[in-house]
Amino acid sequence: MKTIAVLLTALLLATGCGNKESTGETASDEPEIVMMDESTSVGELPSILKEGLSNKEQDELKKQIMPILDDGLTPEQRFLNLRKDAEAGNAEAQNSLGSMYFSGEAISRDAQGKVKDKDPETAAGWFFRSAEQGHAGAQFNLGLLYFSGEGVTR
């Protein structure tokens, strides 16, 4: 995660974001920044991120910031496997499942059978199970729900 933050910061600095003056003129001691008009395909790194990296380093960077699921499973099968692991007590799976319910990635229905956009109540339940096992991410997620009052009493 630190790598992504560092890369994004470098990218923002390289593209001129955060300059003190936005007059279009550059100070004499600052290098002129030229914006590149570049488009990249899916799975390809922009040239600014490739700069100075070997092919092996570029591949490692891609794995860190562009994870690809190449397990041959359908999204439904991945969800069912995750739910099975969560029901078996896997704290990481419980937290992930809670995130899916909160974001609406996992489909929930209300009492009348209508599909919900997101399900913070179910998310809170999965976060709670994971948080009880000491999963820091789930503790944080559950704390946010308590703070906002989504799915639980504020």
Protein backbone atom coordinates (compact mmCIF):
# COMPACT_ATOMS: atom_id res chain seq x y z
CA MET A 1 0.00 0.00 0.00
CA LYS A 2 2.92 2.31 0.74
CA THR A 3 4.23 1.62 -2.77
CA ILE A 4 0.96 2.76 -4.32
CA ALA A 5 0.90 5.95 -2.23
CA VAL A 6 4.50 6.74 -3.16
CA LEU A 7 3.82 6.11 -6.84
CA LEU A 8 0.68 8.25 -6.84
CA THR A 9 2.52 11.05 -5.06
CA ALA A 10 5.35 10.84 -7.59
CA LEU A 11 2.84 10.86 -10.43
CA LEU A 12 1.07 13.93 -9.04
CA LEU A 13 4.34 15.76 -8.52
CA ALA A 14 5.56 14.83 -11.99
CA THR A 15 2.39 16.15 -13.61
CA GLY A 16 2.63 19.46 -11.80
CA CYS A 17 -0.15 18.97 -9.28
CA GLY A 18 0.46 21.01 -6.18
CA ASN A 19 2.42 23.85 -7.79
CA LYS A 20 2.19 27.02 -5.72
CA GLU A 21 1.35 29.19 -8.69
CA SER A 22 -0.99 28.29 -11.51
CA THR A 23 -0.12 31.19 -13.82
CA GLY A 24 1.23 28.89 -16.49
CA GLU A 25 4.71 30.32 -16.05
CA THR A 26 7.45 28.33 -14.38
CA ALA A 27 10.00 29.75 -12.02
CA SER A 28 13.56 29.82 -13.31
CA ASP A 29 14.76 27.31 -10.70
CA GLU A 30 11.95 24.80 -11.41
CA PRO A 31 12.16 22.42 -14.36
CA GLU A 32 9.44 22.82 -16.96
CA ILE A 33 6.92 20.01 -16.83
CA VAL A 34 5.55 18.75 -20.10
CA MET A 35 2.24 16.88 -19.95
CA MET A 36 2.23 13.71 -21.99
CA ASP A 37 -0.73 12.89 -24.17
CA GLU A 38 -0.69 9.13 -23.69
CA SER A 39 -3.25 6.38 -23.57
CA THR A 40 -2.49 2.91 -22.28
CA SER A 41 -4.28 -0.37 -22.74
CA VAL A 42 -5.73 -2.41 -19.89
CA GLY A 43 -2.96 -4.05 -17.90
CA GLU A 44 -0.27 -1.71 -19.23
CA LEU A 45 1.67 0.72 -17.06
CA PRO A 46 1.85 4.37 -18.14
CA SER A 47 5.30 5.36 -19.39
CA ILE A 48 5.88 7.64 -16.39
CA LEU A 49 5.65 4.61 -14.09
CA LYS A 50 7.89 2.48 -16.35
CA GLU A 51 10.66 5.05 -16.39
CA GLY A 52 13.92 3.64 -15.01
CA LEU A 53 12.45 0.21 -14.21
CA SER A 54 13.61 -3.11 -15.66
CA ASN A 55 11.01 -5.45 -17.18
CA LYS A 56 11.13 -7.55 -14.00
CA GLU A 57 10.52 -4.46 -11.82
CA GLN A 58 7.67 -3.38 -14.10
CA ASP A 59 6.06 -6.82 -13.76
CA GLU A 60 6.37 -6.65 -9.97
CA LEU A 61 4.83 -3.17 -9.92
CA LYS A 62 1.93 -4.41 -12.08
CA LYS A 63 1.29 -7.24 -9.60
CA GLN A 64 1.19 -4.73 -6.73
CA ILE A 65 -1.11 -2.13 -8.27
CA MET A 66 -3.07 -4.18 -10.83
CA PRO A 67 -3.91 -7.52 -9.25
CA ILE A 68 -5.36 -9.98 -11.76
CA LEU A 69 -7.50 -12.92 -10.75
CA ASP A 70 -6.46 -15.78 -13.00
CA ASP A 71 -8.05 -18.66 -11.12
CA GLY A 72 -10.57 -19.65 -13.81
CA LEU A 73 -13.53 -19.17 -11.46
CA THR A 74 -16.67 -17.21 -12.21
CA PRO A 75 -17.48 -14.23 -9.94
CA GLU A 76 -20.35 -16.26 -8.47
CA GLN A 77 -18.03 -19.17 -7.61
CA ARG A 78 -15.50 -16.79 -6.03
CA PHE A 79 -18.30 -15.31 -3.90
CA LEU A 80 -19.55 -18.75 -2.84
CA ASN A 81 -16.01 -19.83 -1.92
CA LEU A 82 -15.52 -16.61 0.07
CA ARG A 83 -18.83 -17.10 1.89
CA LYS A 84 -17.90 -20.72 2.67
CA ASP A 85 -14.58 -19.57 4.16
CA ALA A 86 -16.32 -16.79 6.10
CA GLU A 87 -18.90 -19.18 7.52
CA ALA A 88 -16.03 -21.49 8.56
CA GLY A 89 -14.61 -18.66 10.69
CA ASN A 90 -11.89 -17.19 8.43
CA ALA A 91 -11.53 -13.58 9.67
CA GLU A 92 -10.08 -12.27 6.39
CA ALA A 93 -12.94 -13.80 4.40
CA GLN A 94 -15.47 -12.37 6.88
CA ASN A 95 -14.02 -8.88 6.47
CA SER A 96 -13.98 -9.23 2.67
CA LEU A 97 -17.56 -10.47 2.65
CA GLY A 98 -18.60 -7.54 4.84
CA SER A 99 -16.96 -5.17 2.36
CA MET A 100 -18.85 -6.79 -0.51
CA TYR A 101 -22.19 -6.42 1.26
CA PHE A 102 -21.44 -2.83 2.23
CA SER A 103 -20.41 -1.80 -1.29
CA GLY A 104 -23.31 -3.61 -2.97
CA GLU A 105 -21.01 -6.05 -4.76
CA ALA A 106 -22.81 -8.90 -2.98
CA ILE A 107 -26.52 -9.03 -3.77
CA SER A 108 -28.96 -8.76 -0.88
CA ARG A 109 -32.73 -8.60 -0.83
CA ASP A 110 -35.10 -6.90 1.58
CA ALA A 111 -38.10 -8.59 3.26
CA GLN A 112 -40.23 -8.04 0.13
CA GLY A 113 -37.58 -9.61 -2.12
CA LYS A 114 -36.44 -6.34 -3.67
CA VAL A 115 -32.70 -6.19 -4.45
CA LYS A 116 -30.84 -3.70 -2.22
CA ASP A 117 -28.15 -1.38 -3.58
CA LYS A 118 -26.05 -2.21 -0.51
CA ASP A 119 -26.61 -4.00 2.78
CA PRO A 120 -24.86 -2.30 5.72
CA GLU A 121 -26.68 -4.46 8.28
CA THR A 122 -25.29 -7.70 6.85
CA ALA A 123 -21.90 -6.01 6.37
CA ALA A 124 -21.86 -5.03 10.05
CA GLY A 125 -22.56 -8.63 11.05
CA TRP A 126 -19.60 -9.94 9.04
CA PHE A 127 -17.33 -7.13 10.23
CA PHE A 128 -18.35 -7.91 13.83
CA ARG A 129 -17.48 -11.62 13.48
CA SER A 130 -14.09 -10.76 12.01
CA ALA A 131 -13.41 -7.94 14.49
CA GLU A 132 -14.04 -10.29 17.42
CA GLN A 133 -11.16 -12.41 16.14
CA GLY A 134 -8.86 -9.38 16.23
CA HIS A 135 -8.88 -8.50 12.51
CA ALA A 136 -7.78 -4.84 12.50
CA GLY A 137 -9.36 -4.03 9.13
CA ALA A 138 -12.72 -5.36 10.28
CA GLN A 139 -12.43 -3.44 13.56
CA PHE A 140 -11.82 -0.27 11.56
CA ASN A 141 -14.70 -1.00 9.16
CA LEU A 142 -17.08 -1.75 12.01
CA GLY A 143 -15.97 1.42 13.80
CA LEU A 144 -16.81 3.44 10.68
CA LEU A 145 -20.28 1.89 10.61
CA TYR A 146 -20.83 2.76 14.27
CA PHE A 147 -19.57 6.29 13.63
CA SER A 148 -21.86 6.83 10.63
CA GLY A 149 -24.79 4.83 12.00
CA GLU A 150 -25.03 2.68 8.86
CA GLY A 151 -26.34 -0.80 9.59
CA VAL A 152 -25.93 -0.31 13.36
CA THR A 153 -27.06 2.15 16.00
CA ARG A 154 -24.78 5.18 16.03
